[in-house]
Amino acid sequence: MELAEIGRMLLLLLLLGCVIAVNVTKSLLQAVLLFMAYSSFMCLLWILMESPDLAITEAAVGAGVSGMLFLLTLKKLREIDRKGGEQP
């Protein structure tokens, strides 16, 4: 077994762990962070499969932009909860 194959299998196990953890976690913040970790692991997997264009896109969109949008949405939801459920 080559080192690259072992790395791919390890990343696939980490991806599967992230998917399961996102679905069973109760905290929205943990779910967002696990989603960002999933995107980062997927980026590494694309690099191992020699697809740098997909890796860059996954890093920028998956872990970067989408993760930040989820975090900002979570922040807004917490602000609404603090105000007693009133929407701005």
C-alpha atoms as a PDB file:
ATOM      1  CA  MET A   1       0.000   0.000   0.000  1.00  0.00           C
ATOM      2  CA  GLU A   2       1.392   3.383  -0.956  1.00  0.00           C
ATOM      3  CA  LEU A   3       1.608   6.338   1.382  1.00  0.00           C
ATOM      4  CA  ALA A   4      -0.793   8.341  -0.808  1.00  0.00           C
ATOM      5  CA  GLU A   5      -3.422   5.608  -0.546  1.00  0.00           C
ATOM      6  CA  ILE A   6      -3.071   5.513   3.232  1.00  0.00           C
ATOM      7  CA  GLY A   7      -3.429   9.298   3.314  1.00  0.00           C
ATOM      8  CA  ARG A   8      -6.554   9.155   1.164  1.00  0.00           C
ATOM      9  CA  MET A   9      -8.120   6.482   3.350  1.00  0.00           C
ATOM     10  CA  LEU A  10      -7.311   8.470   6.491  1.00  0.00           C
ATOM     11  CA  LEU A  11      -8.854  11.589   4.982  1.00  0.00           C
ATOM     12  CA  LEU A  12     -11.937   9.626   3.952  1.00  0.00           C
ATOM     13  CA  LEU A  13     -12.314   8.379   7.527  1.00  0.00           C
ATOM     14  CA  LEU A  14     -11.949  11.945   8.813  1.00  0.00           C
ATOM     15  CA  LEU A  15     -14.554  13.103   6.295  1.00  0.00           C
ATOM     16  CA  LEU A  16     -16.937  10.390   7.420  1.00  0.00           C
ATOM     17  CA  GLY A  17     -16.300  11.319  11.056  1.00  0.00           C
ATOM     18  CA  CYS A  18     -17.083  14.974  10.317  1.00  0.00           C
ATOM     19  CA  VAL A  19     -20.305  14.048   8.515  1.00  0.00           C
ATOM     20  CA  ILE A  20     -21.506  11.888  11.389  1.00  0.00           C
ATOM     21  CA  ALA A  21     -20.465  14.445  14.007  1.00  0.00           C
ATOM     22  CA  VAL A  22     -22.298  17.274  12.216  1.00  0.00           C
ATOM     23  CA  ASN A  23     -25.477  15.238  12.226  1.00  0.00           C
ATOM     24  CA  VAL A  24     -25.368  14.229  15.896  1.00  0.00           C
ATOM     25  CA  THR A  25     -24.089  17.428  17.496  1.00  0.00           C
ATOM     26  CA  LYS A  26     -26.535  19.588  19.434  1.00  0.00           C
ATOM     27  CA  SER A  27     -24.549  22.824  19.208  1.00  0.00           C
ATOM     28  CA  LEU A  28     -24.908  24.923  16.073  1.00  0.00           C
ATOM     29  CA  LEU A  29     -21.453  26.398  16.558  1.00  0.00           C
ATOM     30  CA  GLN A  30     -19.892  22.941  16.697  1.00  0.00           C
ATOM     31  CA  ALA A  31     -21.817  21.946  13.573  1.00  0.00           C
ATOM     32  CA  VAL A  32     -20.477  24.973  11.684  1.00  0.00           C
ATOM     33  CA  LEU A  33     -16.913  24.292  12.819  1.00  0.00           C
ATOM     34  CA  LEU A  34     -17.236  20.637  11.817  1.00  0.00           C
ATOM     35  CA  PHE A  35     -18.556  21.728   8.414  1.00  0.00           C
ATOM     36  CA  MET A  36     -15.508  23.939   7.994  1.00  0.00           C
ATOM     37  CA  ALA A  37     -13.239  21.052   9.022  1.00  0.00           C
ATOM     38  CA  TYR A  38     -15.017  18.836   6.486  1.00  0.00           C
ATOM     39  CA  SER A  39     -14.295  21.371   3.747  1.00  0.00           C
ATOM     40  CA  SER A  40     -10.651  21.599   4.817  1.00  0.00           C
ATOM     41  CA  PHE A  41     -10.237  17.821   4.741  1.00  0.00           C
ATOM     42  CA  MET A  42     -11.945  17.737   1.354  1.00  0.00           C
ATOM     43  CA  CYS A  43      -9.473  20.360   0.130  1.00  0.00           C
ATOM     44  CA  LEU A  44      -6.585  18.143   1.230  1.00  0.00           C
ATOM     45  CA  LEU A  45      -8.167  15.180  -0.509  1.00  0.00           C
ATOM     46  CA  TRP A  46      -8.442  17.152  -3.760  1.00  0.00           C
ATOM     47  CA  ILE A  47      -4.748  18.019  -3.445  1.00  0.00           C
ATOM     48  CA  LEU A  48      -3.853  14.344  -3.000  1.00  0.00           C
ATOM     49  CA  MET A  49      -5.915  13.507  -6.088  1.00  0.00           C
ATOM     50  CA  GLU A  50      -3.912  16.129  -8.013  1.00  0.00           C
ATOM     51  CA  SER A  51      -6.806  18.510  -8.646  1.00  0.00           C
ATOM     52  CA  PRO A  52      -5.454  21.872  -7.500  1.00  0.00           C
ATOM     53  CA  ASP A  53      -8.253  23.876  -9.113  1.00  0.00           C
ATOM     54  CA  LEU A  54     -10.889  21.976  -7.116  1.00  0.00           C
ATOM     55  CA  ALA A  55      -8.776  22.238  -3.958  1.00  0.00           C
ATOM     56  CA  ILE A  56      -8.560  26.013  -4.254  1.00  0.00           C
ATOM     57  CA  THR A  57     -12.290  26.275  -4.917  1.00  0.00           C
ATOM     58  CA  GLU A  58     -13.123  24.022  -1.956  1.00  0.00           C
ATOM     59  CA  ALA A  59     -10.868  26.022   0.352  1.00  0.00           C
ATOM     60  CA  ALA A  60     -12.220  29.374  -0.794  1.00  0.00           C
ATOM     61  CA  VAL A  61     -15.906  28.542  -1.034  1.00  0.00           C
ATOM     62  CA  GLY A  62     -16.380  25.561   1.287  1.00  0.00           C
ATOM     63  CA  ALA A  63     -14.256  26.479   4.280  1.00  0.00           C
ATOM     64  CA  GLY A  64     -13.958  30.201   3.635  1.00  0.00           C
ATOM     65  CA  VAL A  65     -17.038  31.927   2.329  1.00  0.00           C
ATOM     66  CA  SER A  66     -19.684  29.388   3.375  1.00  0.00           C
ATOM     67  CA  GLY A  67     -18.143  28.975   6.817  1.00  0.00           C
ATOM     68  CA  MET A  68     -18.084  32.711   7.405  1.00  0.00           C
ATOM     69  CA  LEU A  69     -21.680  33.077   6.218  1.00  0.00           C
ATOM     70  CA  PHE A  70     -22.763  30.303   8.606  1.00  0.00           C
ATOM     71  CA  LEU A  71     -20.899  31.974  11.480  1.00  0.00           C
ATOM     72  CA  LEU A  72     -22.452  35.367  10.716  1.00  0.00           C
ATOM     73  CA  THR A  73     -25.902  33.788  10.533  1.00  0.00           C
ATOM     74  CA  LEU A  74     -25.312  32.077  13.865  1.00  0.00           C
ATOM     75  CA  LYS A  75     -24.261  35.407  15.375  1.00  0.00           C
ATOM     76  CA  LYS A  76     -27.447  37.070  14.086  1.00  0.00           C
ATOM     77  CA  LEU A  77     -29.577  34.239  15.481  1.00  0.00           C
ATOM     78  CA  ARG A  78     -27.989  34.637  18.908  1.00  0.00           C
ATOM     79  CA  GLU A  79     -28.611  38.399  18.814  1.00  0.00           C
ATOM     80  CA  ILE A  80     -32.276  37.766  17.999  1.00  0.00           C
ATOM     81  CA  ASP A  81     -32.523  35.290  20.888  1.00  0.00           C
ATOM     82  CA  ARG A  82     -31.020  37.846  23.299  1.00  0.00           C
ATOM     83  CA  LYS A  83     -33.577  40.470  22.249  1.00  0.00           C
ATOM     84  CA  GLY A  84     -36.415  38.134  23.116  1.00  0.00           C
ATOM     85  CA  GLY A  85     -37.301  36.806  19.698  1.00  0.00           C
ATOM     86  CA  GLU A  86     -37.854  40.175  18.000  1.00  0.00           C
ATOM     87  CA  GLN A  87     -36.638  40.306  14.436  1.00  0.00           C
ATOM     88  CA  PRO A  88     -34.795  43.429  13.292  1.00  0.00           C
END
